[in-house]
């Protein structure tokens, strides 16, 4: 049962008075502004949105990027703003709780000041508080929900399915969910979700044979007498970025034409508000908004961008579509209110609320569920592999993060390689200096269903071709050709990059072991997470765990940043 706003404020005050709002190890110096989570509703139609939680049920640290480059028309535009550029754009004061939530600035110090973020028990409290004053509000789950933690991997995603039902999710669309396989997805949708009233929507997933819809393209709901429609848009390049063999009978894609068809159909059925629950990525959503008529808002995911306020985009017929993205790791809850009168949207209000777990009491039922889920695995999860005496360990950003450096070093040392590739995924929690590296925090970086490590011989030319191909997926000037995550992480490889160039001309000055790469020479390259079927090898977690246990203390993780050419003064970079 949801709590009222008054009850919520009473619980919050009691928690603060009893010390529950304080970090268990240190007294917090920072505080939130009075009434920070007090958000009176505007209008009569409301959507709550979270995305890319990557199976993080407990509060975590998560450092935002200091490199998030925009190219072409996106250069210097939202969401490609970092650090001070982000604060200046939105008028956020440095040193505040929101500056910490939305940027990497002074991360370690600010993290200790404001505490961890996210956690489903704390998110549940916030969801219930916001819903208490918004009858009928829909909670939208943007996907990348079932993957990213050890417990999700070990329970075949059942932990997250149960937690999302408990959270009160109404509508969901997928991406990494596909890596559990088509049969598992259908089992959840047809059993768990159907039984609990969760709609799984994806207009752009069709069968390979006859082009039939695999899932409902959209769902219609009535909210305070207003008909609304939520259309699903799964990550369009799932069979490229992830193993195709896991969803062999399904075809994905962007599919603007069918999106327009479903928008028109929903409008014809009486929808006065039409929104898209998307996992395209922010740049793709911005382009889609400019090409399809009749969408009022896009609630986006995939690129993990914490977008402070929606970006208004003009549609072909002169309307406006509001494009959002709600960050990752359970760190944010987006709240969109529409004021609908006489069948038209007359106004709107949006807030992207950071989930500061130290300032939101844990929901008791969710907390109990999480404890039950974790109980069989606690001993394994809590094993200390090493202690981090280096800087913050993190992954997020266009190029290598310190966690990536650690993974690549482990691959090279354990596999006896000249160089290493690690996938440019955006998920993975952070670790502060002085903290233990537990088995759980390591698994946050590598909990996938295709973890095999490999050791291959590639010529210098093949290495360059691989890097050029991945680079084009990130920096193609047309967002519709951006098919992957961030740049492949490299160990032992130094290079320069020209993001504004075209494929084949971006990567230069390549060196391995400090020596220029010979295009004809063969090099031993370690890697993991191949999307090809039948690949075998030691799981990446065994390789990294062995490395960490051997080192015991991690010091001086040197972050490698390629030489970035042609991006001077780009507000998406602060290094």
Protein backbone atom coordinates (compact mmCIF):
# COMPACT_ATOMS: atom_id res chain seq x y z
CA UNK A 1 0.00 0.00 0.00
CA UNK A 2 1.36 3.44 -0.95
CA UNK A 3 2.02 6.04 1.70
CA UNK A 4 0.59 9.53 1.58
CA UNK A 5 2.86 12.55 1.22
CA UNK A 6 2.23 13.46 4.86
CA UNK A 7 3.09 9.94 6.00
CA UNK A 8 6.22 10.00 3.87
CA UNK A 9 7.42 13.25 5.42
CA UNK A 10 6.76 11.86 8.90
CA UNK A 11 8.80 8.74 8.13
CA UNK A 12 11.60 10.86 6.65
CA UNK A 13 11.72 13.07 9.74
CA UNK A 14 11.76 10.06 12.05
CA UNK A 15 14.54 8.44 10.05
CA UNK A 16 16.65 11.59 10.23
CA UNK A 17 16.04 11.98 13.94
CA UNK A 18 17.10 8.38 14.60
CA UNK A 19 20.27 8.73 12.56
CA UNK A 20 19.15 6.47 9.69
CA UNK A 21 19.91 9.23 7.21
CA UNK A 22 23.55 9.08 8.17
CA UNK A 23 26.18 6.95 6.51
CA UNK A 24 26.98 3.98 8.74
CA UNK A 25 30.69 4.81 8.79
CA UNK A 26 30.86 8.58 8.84
CA UNK A 27 28.69 11.59 9.63
CA UNK A 28 27.63 13.40 6.49
CA UNK A 29 28.62 17.03 6.21
CA UNK A 30 26.23 17.75 3.34
CA UNK A 31 22.48 18.07 3.37
CA UNK A 32 19.65 18.41 0.91
CA UNK A 33 17.64 21.62 0.57
CA UNK A 34 14.49 21.73 2.69
CA UNK A 35 11.61 20.05 0.87
CA UNK A 36 13.93 18.57 -1.76
CA UNK A 37 11.62 15.62 -2.42
CA UNK A 38 8.44 17.64 -1.99
CA UNK A 39 6.99 17.76 -5.51
CA UNK A 40 3.35 18.87 -5.80
CA UNK A 41 1.70 17.57 -8.99
CA UNK A 42 0.99 19.68 -12.04
CA UNK A 43 -2.02 18.64 -14.09
CA UNK A 44 -3.76 15.29 -14.38
CA UNK A 45 -1.45 12.94 -16.32
CA UNK A 46 1.84 11.74 -14.81
CA UNK A 47 4.63 9.37 -15.79
CA UNK A 48 7.42 8.12 -13.54
CA UNK A 49 10.49 6.78 -15.32
CA UNK A 50 13.68 4.92 -14.47
CA UNK A 51 16.04 3.15 -16.84
CA UNK A 52 19.33 1.26 -17.09
CA UNK A 53 19.39 0.26 -13.42
CA UNK A 54 21.57 -2.72 -14.44
CA UNK A 55 20.25 -4.94 -11.69
CA UNK A 56 21.56 -2.83 -8.81
CA UNK A 57 19.25 -3.55 -5.90
CA UNK A 58 21.37 -1.89 -3.21
CA UNK A 59 22.68 1.70 -3.00
CA UNK A 60 25.95 2.16 -4.90
CA UNK A 61 28.52 4.75 -5.97
CA UNK A 62 28.33 5.83 -9.61
CA UNK A 63 30.64 8.42 -11.14
CA UNK A 64 29.33 10.37 -14.14
CA UNK A 65 31.62 10.79 -17.17
CA UNK A 66 34.19 13.49 -17.82
CA UNK A 67 34.24 12.58 -21.54
CA UNK A 68 30.94 12.41 -23.44
CA UNK A 69 31.68 13.83 -26.86
CA UNK A 70 29.03 14.94 -29.31
CA UNK A 71 29.78 14.98 -33.05
CA UNK A 72 28.04 16.52 -36.04
CA UNK A 73 24.86 18.35 -35.06
CA UNK A 74 25.19 17.01 -31.50
CA UNK A 75 28.55 18.69 -30.81
CA UNK A 76 28.17 20.87 -27.74
CA UNK A 77 24.51 20.01 -27.25
CA UNK A 78 22.65 18.07 -24.56
CA UNK A 79 23.41 15.35 -23.56
CA UNK A 80 27.06 15.93 -24.53
CA UNK A 81 27.94 18.29 -21.69
CA UNK A 82 30.14 17.35 -18.75
CA UNK A 83 31.37 18.91 -15.53
CA UNK A 84 31.29 22.69 -15.34
CA UNK A 85 29.74 22.88 -18.82
CA UNK A 86 26.75 20.88 -17.56
CA UNK A 87 26.38 23.04 -14.44
CA UNK A 88 26.59 26.27 -16.42
CA UNK A 89 24.04 25.12 -18.99
CA UNK A 90 21.44 24.33 -16.34
CA UNK A 91 22.37 26.98 -13.78
CA UNK A 92 23.31 24.46 -11.09
CA UNK A 93 25.56 25.73 -8.31
CA UNK A 94 28.91 23.94 -7.90
CA UNK A 95 29.37 21.97 -4.70
CA UNK A 96 25.67 21.21 -4.29
CA UNK A 97 23.94 17.84 -4.06
CA UNK A 98 22.70 18.18 -7.64
CA UNK A 99 26.16 19.09 -8.92
CA UNK A 100 27.35 15.82 -7.38
CA UNK A 101 24.45 13.78 -8.76
CA UNK A 102 24.77 15.03 -12.33
CA UNK A 103 28.55 15.44 -12.78
CA UNK A 104 31.87 13.78 -11.95
CA UNK A 105 33.23 16.91 -10.23
CA UNK A 106 35.09 16.29 -6.95
CA UNK A 107 33.46 12.88 -6.96
CA UNK A 108 35.21 11.09 -4.10
CA UNK A 109 34.76 13.96 -1.63
CA UNK A 110 31.18 14.68 -2.65
CA UNK A 111 30.30 10.98 -2.49
CA UNK A 112 31.37 10.85 1.14
CA UNK A 113 29.37 14.01 1.77
CA UNK A 114 26.08 12.90 0.26
CA UNK A 115 26.33 9.12 0.48
CA UNK A 116 25.40 6.39 -1.94
CA UNK A 117 22.70 6.63 -4.59
CA UNK A 118 19.96 4.32 -5.73
CA UNK A 119 18.83 1.10 -4.10
CA UNK A 120 15.40 -0.36 -4.83
CA UNK A 121 14.19 -0.03 -1.24
CA UNK A 122 14.90 3.71 -1.34
CA UNK A 123 13.59 4.06 -4.89
CA UNK A 124 10.38 2.32 -3.80
CA UNK A 125 9.89 4.92 -1.04
CA UNK A 126 10.32 7.74 -3.52
CA UNK A 127 8.03 6.14 -6.10
CA UNK A 128 5.29 5.69 -3.52
CA UNK A 129 5.65 9.25 -2.26
CA UNK A 130 5.40 10.73 -5.75
CA UNK A 131 2.50 8.46 -6.68
CA UNK A 132 0.56 9.38 -3.52
CA UNK A 133 -0.32 12.76 -5.01
CA UNK A 134 -0.67 11.51 -8.60
CA UNK A 135 -3.56 9.03 -8.92
CA UNK A 136 -3.06 6.61 -11.77
CA UNK A 137 0.54 7.66 -12.48
CA UNK A 138 2.38 5.07 -14.61
CA UNK A 139 5.84 3.77 -13.70
CA UNK A 140 7.90 3.15 -16.82
CA UNK A 141 10.95 0.85 -16.90
CA UNK A 142 13.25 1.69 -19.83
CA UNK A 143 15.16 -1.61 -19.85
CA UNK A 144 18.69 -2.80 -19.09
CA UNK A 145 17.08 -3.85 -15.84
CA UNK A 146 17.77 -7.58 -15.63
CA UNK A 147 21.54 -7.50 -16.30
CA UNK A 148 24.50 -6.04 -14.45
CA UNK A 149 24.85 -7.83 -11.12
CA UNK A 150 25.94 -11.19 -9.82
CA UNK A 151 22.56 -12.00 -8.29
CA UNK A 152 20.74 -11.24 -11.53
CA UNK A 153 23.12 -13.52 -13.42
CA UNK A 154 22.86 -16.30 -10.85
CA UNK A 155 19.05 -16.15 -10.55
CA UNK A 156 18.47 -15.94 -14.31
CA UNK A 157 17.11 -12.41 -13.75
CA UNK A 158 14.38 -13.56 -11.37
CA UNK A 159 15.64 -11.22 -8.66
CA UNK A 160 15.00 -8.20 -10.86
CA UNK A 161 11.68 -9.48 -12.16
CA UNK A 162 10.42 -9.87 -8.59
CA UNK A 163 11.87 -6.53 -7.49
CA UNK A 164 10.29 -4.64 -10.39
CA UNK A 165 6.90 -6.16 -9.68
CA UNK A 166 7.29 -5.12 -6.05
CA UNK A 167 8.38 -1.64 -7.17
CA UNK A 168 5.14 -1.26 -9.09
CA UNK A 169 6.36 -1.14 -12.69
CA UNK A 170 3.52 -0.74 -15.20
CA UNK A 171 5.28 -0.75 -18.58
CA UNK A 172 8.70 -2.00 -19.74
CA UNK A 173 10.79 -2.15 -22.93
CA UNK A 174 14.07 -4.14 -23.31
CA UNK A 175 17.71 -4.25 -24.35
CA UNK A 176 20.19 -6.39 -22.34
CA UNK A 177 17.23 -8.53 -21.30
CA UNK A 178 17.80 -10.29 -24.66
CA UNK A 179 21.06 -11.77 -23.36
CA UNK A 180 19.04 -14.13 -21.19
CA UNK A 181 17.57 -15.57 -24.39
CA UNK A 182 14.25 -15.35 -26.18
CA UNK A 183 12.71 -18.24 -24.23
CA UNK A 184 13.49 -16.65 -20.87
CA UNK A 185 12.06 -13.29 -21.95
CA UNK A 186 8.83 -14.92 -23.12
CA UNK A 187 8.59 -16.90 -19.88
CA UNK A 188 8.77 -13.72 -17.80
CA UNK A 189 6.38 -11.78 -20.04
CA UNK A 190 3.78 -14.55 -20.29
CA UNK A 191 3.92 -15.64 -16.65
CA UNK A 192 5.38 -13.15 -14.12
CA UNK A 193 4.39 -9.97 -15.96
CA UNK A 194 1.01 -11.15 -17.20
CA UNK A 195 0.05 -12.28 -13.69
CA UNK A 196 1.05 -8.92 -12.19
CA UNK A 197 -0.24 -6.53 -14.84
CA UNK A 198 3.11 -5.42 -16.29
CA UNK A 199 2.98 -4.56 -20.00
CA UNK A 200 6.07 -5.41 -22.07
CA UNK A 201 6.04 -3.26 -25.23
CA UNK A 202 8.37 -3.07 -28.24
CA UNK A 203 7.02 -1.86 -31.56
CA UNK A 204 10.32 -2.49 -33.35
CA UNK A 205 10.78 -6.21 -32.54
CA UNK A 206 9.21 -8.40 -35.24
CA UNK A 207 9.64 -11.99 -36.40
CA UNK A 208 12.23 -12.74 -39.07
CA UNK A 209 9.83 -14.83 -41.14
CA UNK A 210 6.57 -12.90 -41.55
CA UNK A 211 7.31 -9.64 -39.75
CA UNK A 212 4.74 -10.24 -37.02
CA UNK A 213 4.91 -8.28 -33.78
CA UNK A 214 6.72 -10.29 -31.10
CA UNK A 215 5.38 -8.07 -28.31
CA UNK A 216 2.61 -5.53 -28.03
CA UNK A 217 3.73 -2.36 -29.84
CA UNK A 218 1.94 -0.13 -27.35
CA UNK A 219 -0.52 -0.09 -24.48
CA UNK A 220 -3.46 2.23 -23.83
CA UNK A 221 -4.32 3.38 -20.31
CA UNK A 222 -6.84 5.79 -18.81
CA UNK A 223 -5.55 8.29 -16.28
CA UNK A 224 -8.05 10.58 -14.54
CA UNK A 225 -10.37 10.40 -17.51
CA UNK A 226 -7.60 10.96 -20.07
CA UNK A 227 -6.63 8.25 -22.55
CA UNK A 228 -2.84 7.84 -22.82
CA UNK A 229 -0.68 5.54 -24.93
CA UNK A 230 2.81 4.20 -24.22
CA UNK A 231 4.69 2.85 -27.25
CA UNK A 232 7.76 0.66 -26.74
CA UNK A 233 11.05 1.07 -28.60
CA UNK A 234 13.65 -1.61 -27.77
CA UNK A 235 17.35 -1.05 -28.44
CA UNK A 236 17.36 -1.26 -32.25
CA UNK A 237 20.80 -2.84 -32.63
CA UNK A 238 20.50 -5.61 -30.04
CA UNK A 239 21.49 -8.43 -32.47
CA UNK A 240 24.65 -6.47 -33.39
CA UNK A 241 25.79 -5.19 -30.01
CA UNK A 242 24.85 -8.47 -28.32
CA UNK A 243 24.77 -12.11 -29.52
CA UNK A 244 22.28 -12.64 -32.33
CA UNK A 245 22.01 -16.35 -31.51
CA UNK A 246 20.24 -15.50 -28.24
CA UNK A 247 17.27 -14.02 -30.15
CA UNK A 248 17.62 -15.88 -33.48
CA UNK A 249 14.05 -15.45 -34.71
CA UNK A 250 13.63 -11.75 -33.96
CA UNK A 251 14.43 -8.71 -36.06
CA UNK A 252 15.01 -5.31 -34.50
CA UNK A 253 15.71 -1.87 -36.06
CA UNK A 254 14.61 1.73 -35.62
CA UNK A 255 11.46 1.51 -37.80
CA UNK A 256 10.23 5.11 -37.99
CA UNK A 257 7.45 4.12 -40.40
CA UNK A 258 5.91 1.61 -38.05
CA UNK A 259 6.38 4.01 -35.13
CA UNK A 260 4.31 6.56 -37.05
CA UNK A 261 1.70 3.89 -37.77
CA UNK A 262 1.28 3.00 -34.10
CA UNK A 263 1.19 6.66 -33.05
CA UNK A 264 -1.58 7.27 -35.58
CA UNK A 265 -3.49 4.21 -34.41
CA UNK A 266 -3.27 5.23 -30.76
CA UNK A 267 -4.48 8.73 -31.61
CA UNK A 268 -7.36 7.25 -33.62
CA UNK A 269 -8.34 5.17 -30.58
CA UNK A 270 -8.62 8.32 -28.50
CA UNK A 271 -5.18 8.81 -26.97
CA UNK A 272 -4.76 12.44 -25.93
CA UNK A 273 -1.19 11.87 -24.71
CA UNK A 274 1.21 9.61 -26.61
CA UNK A 275 4.65 8.85 -25.20
CA UNK A 276 7.44 6.52 -26.27
CA UNK A 277 9.33 4.37 -23.78
CA UNK A 278 12.63 4.07 -25.61
CA UNK A 279 15.99 2.37 -25.35
CA UNK A 280 17.41 4.05 -28.46
CA UNK A 281 19.94 6.32 -26.78
CA UNK A 282 19.53 10.07 -26.46
CA UNK A 283 20.93 11.13 -29.85
CA UNK A 284 18.76 8.60 -31.69
CA UNK A 285 15.68 9.71 -29.75
CA UNK A 286 16.32 13.33 -30.69
CA UNK A 287 16.42 12.40 -34.37
CA UNK A 288 13.36 10.16 -34.12
CA UNK A 289 11.43 12.98 -32.44
CA UNK A 290 12.14 15.18 -35.47
CA UNK A 291 10.87 12.53 -37.92
CA UNK A 292 7.67 11.19 -36.34
CA UNK A 293 4.52 13.24 -35.70
CA UNK A 294 2.26 12.94 -32.71
CA UNK A 295 4.67 11.93 -29.94
CA UNK A 296 4.39 14.16 -26.90
CA UNK A 297 7.43 12.83 -25.02
CA UNK A 298 10.16 10.22 -25.31
CA UNK A 299 11.35 8.63 -22.09
CA UNK A 300 14.76 7.42 -23.20
CA UNK A 301 17.51 5.13 -22.02
CA UNK A 302 20.63 3.24 -23.14
CA UNK A 303 23.18 6.07 -23.06
CA UNK A 304 22.91 6.55 -19.26
CA UNK A 305 22.59 10.31 -19.63
CA UNK A 306 21.15 12.12 -16.65
CA UNK A 307 19.30 14.83 -18.59
CA UNK A 308 18.28 17.54 -16.15
CA UNK A 309 15.40 18.89 -18.26
CA UNK A 310 13.74 17.56 -21.44
CA UNK A 311 15.00 18.74 -24.82
CA UNK A 312 12.08 20.11 -26.90
CA UNK A 313 12.19 18.93 -30.52
CA UNK A 314 10.03 20.23 -33.37
CA UNK A 315 8.15 17.45 -35.13
CA UNK A 316 7.44 17.45 -38.91
CA UNK A 317 3.96 18.95 -38.47
CA UNK A 318 5.19 21.73 -36.18
CA UNK A 319 4.39 20.07 -32.87
CA UNK A 320 6.79 19.58 -29.98
CA UNK A 321 8.19 16.36 -28.55
CA UNK A 322 9.96 16.43 -25.18
CA UNK A 323 13.00 14.11 -25.14
CA UNK A 324 14.38 12.87 -21.83
CA UNK A 325 16.90 10.36 -20.50
CA UNK A 326 16.94 9.24 -16.86
CA UNK A 327 20.50 8.17 -16.10
CA UNK A 328 21.36 4.72 -14.77
CA UNK A 329 21.89 2.36 -11.84
CA UNK A 330 18.68 3.37 -10.07
CA UNK A 331 20.28 6.74 -9.43
CA UNK A 332 17.39 8.85 -10.76
CA UNK A 333 13.61 8.89 -11.01
CA UNK A 334 12.10 11.03 -13.74
CA UNK A 335 8.71 12.61 -13.03
CA UNK A 336 6.73 14.13 -15.90
CA UNK A 337 3.40 15.87 -15.30
CA UNK A 338 1.08 16.93 -18.11
CA UNK A 339 -1.87 19.27 -17.70
CA UNK A 340 -4.45 17.98 -20.18
CA UNK A 341 -7.59 20.02 -20.79
CA UNK A 342 -10.15 19.70 -23.59
CA UNK A 343 -8.10 16.92 -25.14
CA UNK A 344 -4.94 19.03 -25.42
CA UNK A 345 -1.75 19.32 -23.39
CA UNK A 346 -1.84 22.81 -21.91
CA UNK A 347 1.32 22.59 -19.81
CA UNK A 348 3.94 20.29 -18.37
CA UNK A 349 6.54 20.04 -15.62
CA UNK A 350 9.51 17.69 -15.26
CA UNK A 351 12.05 16.81 -12.58
CA UNK A 352 14.79 14.23 -12.63
CA UNK A 353 15.11 13.34 -8.97
CA UNK A 354 18.41 11.90 -7.71
CA UNK A 355 17.82 8.98 -5.36
CA UNK A 356 20.05 9.84 -2.39
CA UNK A 357 19.70 6.71 -0.28
CA UNK A 358 20.87 8.39 2.92
CA UNK A 359 17.99 10.85 2.72
CA UNK A 360 15.22 8.40 1.76
CA UNK A 361 14.16 5.73 4.25
CA UNK A 362 14.15 2.17 2.93
CA UNK A 363 10.77 0.63 2.15
CA UNK A 364 10.44 -2.28 4.59
CA UNK A 365 8.83 -4.79 2.21
CA UNK A 366 11.31 -4.11 -0.57
CA UNK A 367 14.19 -4.29 1.87
CA UNK A 368 12.94 -7.69 3.07
CA UNK A 369 12.64 -8.96 -0.50
CA UNK A 370 16.19 -7.85 -1.31
CA UNK A 371 17.55 -9.55 1.82
CA UNK A 372 15.77 -12.76 0.83
CA UNK A 373 17.16 -12.58 -2.70
CA UNK A 374 20.71 -12.05 -1.52
CA UNK A 375 20.78 -14.46 1.40
CA UNK A 376 22.03 -17.55 -0.49
CA UNK A 377 24.88 -15.55 -2.05
CA UNK A 378 26.06 -13.22 0.72
CA UNK A 379 29.25 -15.13 1.53
CA UNK A 380 30.38 -15.13 -2.10
CA UNK A 381 29.36 -11.52 -2.71
CA UNK A 382 31.20 -10.20 0.33
CA UNK A 383 34.56 -11.89 -0.35
CA UNK A 384 37.27 -9.22 -0.36
CA UNK A 385 39.52 -9.76 -3.38
CA UNK A 386 41.74 -6.73 -2.87
CA UNK A 387 41.77 -3.21 -1.47
CA UNK A 388 41.59 -0.14 -3.71
CA UNK A 389 44.39 2.23 -2.77
CA UNK A 390 44.24 3.88 -6.20
CA UNK A 391 41.92 6.70 -7.26
CA UNK A 392 38.20 6.13 -7.86
CA UNK A 393 37.58 2.98 -9.87
CA UNK A 394 34.94 3.78 -12.50
CA UNK A 395 33.97 2.90 -16.05
CA UNK A 396 31.60 5.50 -17.55
CA UNK A 397 32.97 7.65 -20.41
CA UNK A 398 33.77 7.51 -24.13
CA UNK A 399 37.20 5.97 -23.51
CA UNK A 400 38.97 3.94 -20.84
CA UNK A 401 37.91 4.23 -17.22
CA UNK A 402 40.05 3.05 -14.33
CA UNK A 403 37.99 -0.12 -13.94
CA UNK A 404 38.66 -0.84 -17.63
CA UNK A 405 42.37 -0.37 -17.07
CA UNK A 406 42.26 -2.92 -14.27
CA UNK A 407 40.36 -5.45 -16.39
CA UNK A 408 42.73 -5.02 -19.34
CA UNK A 409 45.81 -5.38 -17.13
CA UNK A 410 44.36 -8.57 -15.65
CA UNK A 411 43.69 -9.97 -19.13
CA UNK A 412 47.17 -9.18 -20.38
CA UNK A 413 48.96 -10.56 -17.32
CA UNK A 414 46.89 -13.72 -16.87
CA UNK A 415 46.57 -14.54 -20.58
CA UNK A 416 50.13 -13.55 -21.54
CA UNK A 417 49.00 -11.04 -24.17
CA UNK A 418 50.64 -8.10 -25.90
CA UNK A 419 47.39 -6.13 -25.77
CA UNK A 420 43.81 -6.43 -24.58
CA UNK A 421 40.33 -5.40 -25.67
CA UNK A 422 37.47 -4.95 -23.21
CA UNK A 423 33.97 -4.00 -24.37
CA UNK A 424 32.98 -0.35 -24.16
CA UNK A 425 29.90 -0.95 -22.03
CA UNK A 426 28.56 1.86 -19.86
CA UNK A 427 27.40 -0.21 -16.91
CA UNK A 428 29.48 -0.92 -13.82
CA UNK A 429 29.50 0.69 -10.38
CA UNK A 430 32.31 2.77 -8.86
CA UNK A 431 34.63 2.18 -5.89
CA UNK A 432 36.10 4.93 -3.74
CA UNK A 433 39.76 5.11 -2.64
CA UNK A 434 40.41 2.96 0.43
CA UNK A 435 37.42 0.70 -0.13
CA UNK A 436 37.59 -3.09 -0.51
CA UNK A 437 37.09 -4.61 -3.93
CA UNK A 438 34.58 -7.33 -3.14
CA UNK A 439 33.50 -10.13 -5.42
CA UNK A 440 30.18 -8.32 -5.82
CA UNK A 441 31.73 -5.04 -6.95
CA UNK A 442 33.94 -6.93 -9.41
CA UNK A 443 30.91 -8.74 -10.81
CA UNK A 444 29.18 -5.39 -11.37
CA UNK A 445 31.71 -4.93 -14.19
CA UNK A 446 31.29 -8.30 -15.92
CA UNK A 447 28.04 -10.09 -15.04
CA UNK A 448 26.95 -11.27 -18.48
CA UNK A 449 25.78 -14.55 -19.99
CA UNK A 450 28.68 -14.76 -22.49
CA UNK A 451 31.77 -14.17 -20.30
CA UNK A 452 34.38 -16.29 -22.10
CA UNK A 453 37.87 -14.81 -22.37
CA UNK A 454 39.89 -15.31 -25.53
CA UNK A 455 43.47 -15.02 -26.78
CA UNK A 456 43.82 -14.38 -30.51
CA UNK A 457 46.53 -13.40 -32.91
CA UNK A 458 45.67 -10.29 -34.91
CA UNK A 459 47.78 -8.37 -37.35
CA UNK A 460 48.33 -4.69 -36.72
CA UNK A 461 45.95 -3.95 -39.59
CA UNK A 462 43.24 -6.15 -38.08
CA UNK A 463 43.59 -4.35 -34.75
CA UNK A 464 43.19 -1.00 -36.48
CA UNK A 465 40.17 -2.25 -38.44
CA UNK A 466 38.47 -3.43 -35.24
CA UNK A 467 39.07 -0.09 -33.57
CA UNK A 468 37.89 1.89 -36.60
CA UNK A 469 34.68 -0.13 -36.75
CA UNK A 470 33.87 0.40 -33.07
CA UNK A 471 34.81 4.07 -33.29
CA UNK A 472 32.31 4.56 -36.13
CA UNK A 473 29.59 3.08 -33.96
CA UNK A 474 30.18 5.91 -31.48
CA UNK A 475 31.13 8.90 -33.58
CA UNK A 476 29.18 8.50 -36.80
CA UNK A 477 27.67 11.91 -37.48
CA UNK A 478 24.28 10.26 -38.15
CA UNK A 479 22.84 9.02 -34.82
CA UNK A 480 20.96 6.26 -36.64
CA UNK A 481 24.32 4.59 -37.37
CA UNK A 482 25.54 4.71 -33.79
CA UNK A 483 25.18 1.02 -33.04
CA UNK A 484 27.19 0.41 -29.88
CA UNK A 485 28.20 1.72 -26.47
CA UNK A 486 31.43 3.60 -25.91
CA UNK A 487 34.85 3.01 -27.46
CA UNK A 488 36.37 -0.44 -27.00
CA UNK A 489 38.69 -0.30 -24.01
CA UNK A 490 42.34 -1.02 -24.79
CA UNK A 491 45.21 -2.35 -22.75
CA UNK A 492 48.75 -2.03 -24.09
CA UNK A 493 47.55 -0.06 -27.15
CA UNK A 494 48.18 3.65 -27.49
CA UNK A 495 46.56 5.66 -30.27
CA UNK A 496 45.15 8.97 -31.42
CA UNK A 497 41.55 9.51 -32.46
CA UNK A 498 39.79 12.03 -34.68
CA UNK A 499 36.07 11.75 -33.82
CA UNK A 500 35.04 14.17 -36.58
CA UNK A 501 36.63 12.04 -39.33
CA UNK A 502 35.00 9.16 -41.24
CA UNK A 503 35.52 5.43 -40.80
CA UNK A 504 39.04 4.36 -41.70
CA UNK A 505 40.50 7.76 -40.86
CA UNK A 506 39.80 8.16 -37.16
CA UNK A 507 42.48 5.98 -35.55
CA UNK A 508 46.14 6.94 -35.92
CA UNK A 509 49.59 6.78 -34.32
CA UNK A 510 48.96 3.28 -32.98
CA UNK A 511 51.57 1.79 -30.69
CA UNK A 512 51.85 -1.46 -28.76
CA UNK A 513 54.39 -1.64 -26.00
CA UNK A 514 55.50 1.85 -26.97
CA UNK A 515 56.47 0.80 -30.50
CA UNK A 516 54.61 1.76 -33.71
CA UNK A 517 52.18 -0.95 -34.77
CA UNK A 518 53.33 -2.95 -37.78
CA UNK A 519 50.25 -3.61 -39.95
CA UNK A 520 51.65 -6.98 -41.01
CA UNK A 521 52.96 -8.19 -37.66
CA UNK A 522 50.84 -10.51 -35.52
CA UNK A 523 50.12 -9.57 -31.91
CA UNK A 524 48.57 -11.61 -29.11
CA UNK A 525 45.36 -9.86 -28.07
CA UNK A 526 43.25 -10.94 -25.09
CA UNK A 527 39.57 -10.13 -24.89
CA UNK A 528 36.18 -11.20 -23.59
CA UNK A 529 32.45 -11.00 -24.34
CA UNK A 530 32.60 -12.16 -27.95
CA UNK A 531 29.17 -12.04 -29.58
CA UNK A 532 30.00 -15.05 -31.75
CA UNK A 533 28.34 -18.36 -30.99
CA UNK A 534 30.37 -21.25 -29.61
CA UNK A 535 33.21 -19.18 -28.12
CA UNK A 536 34.74 -20.88 -25.08
CA UNK A 537 37.30 -19.81 -22.52
CA UNK A 538 37.84 -19.00 -18.86
CA UNK A 539 35.09 -16.65 -17.64
CA UNK A 540 36.29 -13.07 -17.26
CA UNK A 541 35.40 -13.03 -13.55
CA UNK A 542 37.79 -15.91 -12.87
CA UNK A 543 40.59 -14.07 -14.67
CA UNK A 544 40.05 -10.78 -12.84
CA UNK A 545 39.41 -12.40 -9.45
CA UNK A 546 42.68 -14.34 -9.75
CA UNK A 547 44.52 -11.13 -10.62
CA UNK A 548 43.02 -9.19 -7.71
CA UNK A 549 43.64 -11.94 -5.17
CA UNK A 550 47.26 -12.05 -6.27
CA UNK A 551 47.76 -8.28 -6.05
CA UNK A 552 45.85 -7.85 -2.76
CA UNK A 553 46.27 -4.06 -2.93
CA UNK A 554 45.57 -2.03 -6.07
CA UNK A 555 47.71 1.08 -6.41
CA UNK A 556 48.56 3.53 -9.16
CA UNK A 557 46.02 2.55 -11.80
CA UNK A 558 47.22 4.76 -14.62
CA UNK A 559 44.31 5.93 -16.74
CA UNK A 560 45.07 5.86 -20.45
CA UNK A 561 43.43 8.57 -22.52
CA UNK A 562 44.04 8.49 -26.28
CA UNK A 563 45.15 11.70 -27.96
CA UNK A 564 41.86 13.29 -29.05
CA UNK A 565 42.28 15.45 -32.15
CA UNK A 566 39.90 18.10 -33.47
CA UNK A 567 37.75 18.43 -30.35
CA UNK A 568 39.36 21.42 -28.65
CA UNK A 569 36.91 23.37 -26.49
CA UNK A 570 34.25 20.67 -26.89
CA UNK A 571 32.04 20.91 -23.75
CA UNK A 572 31.67 17.14 -23.77
CA UNK A 573 35.26 16.74 -22.62
CA UNK A 574 37.05 17.73 -19.45
CA UNK A 575 40.28 15.83 -18.84
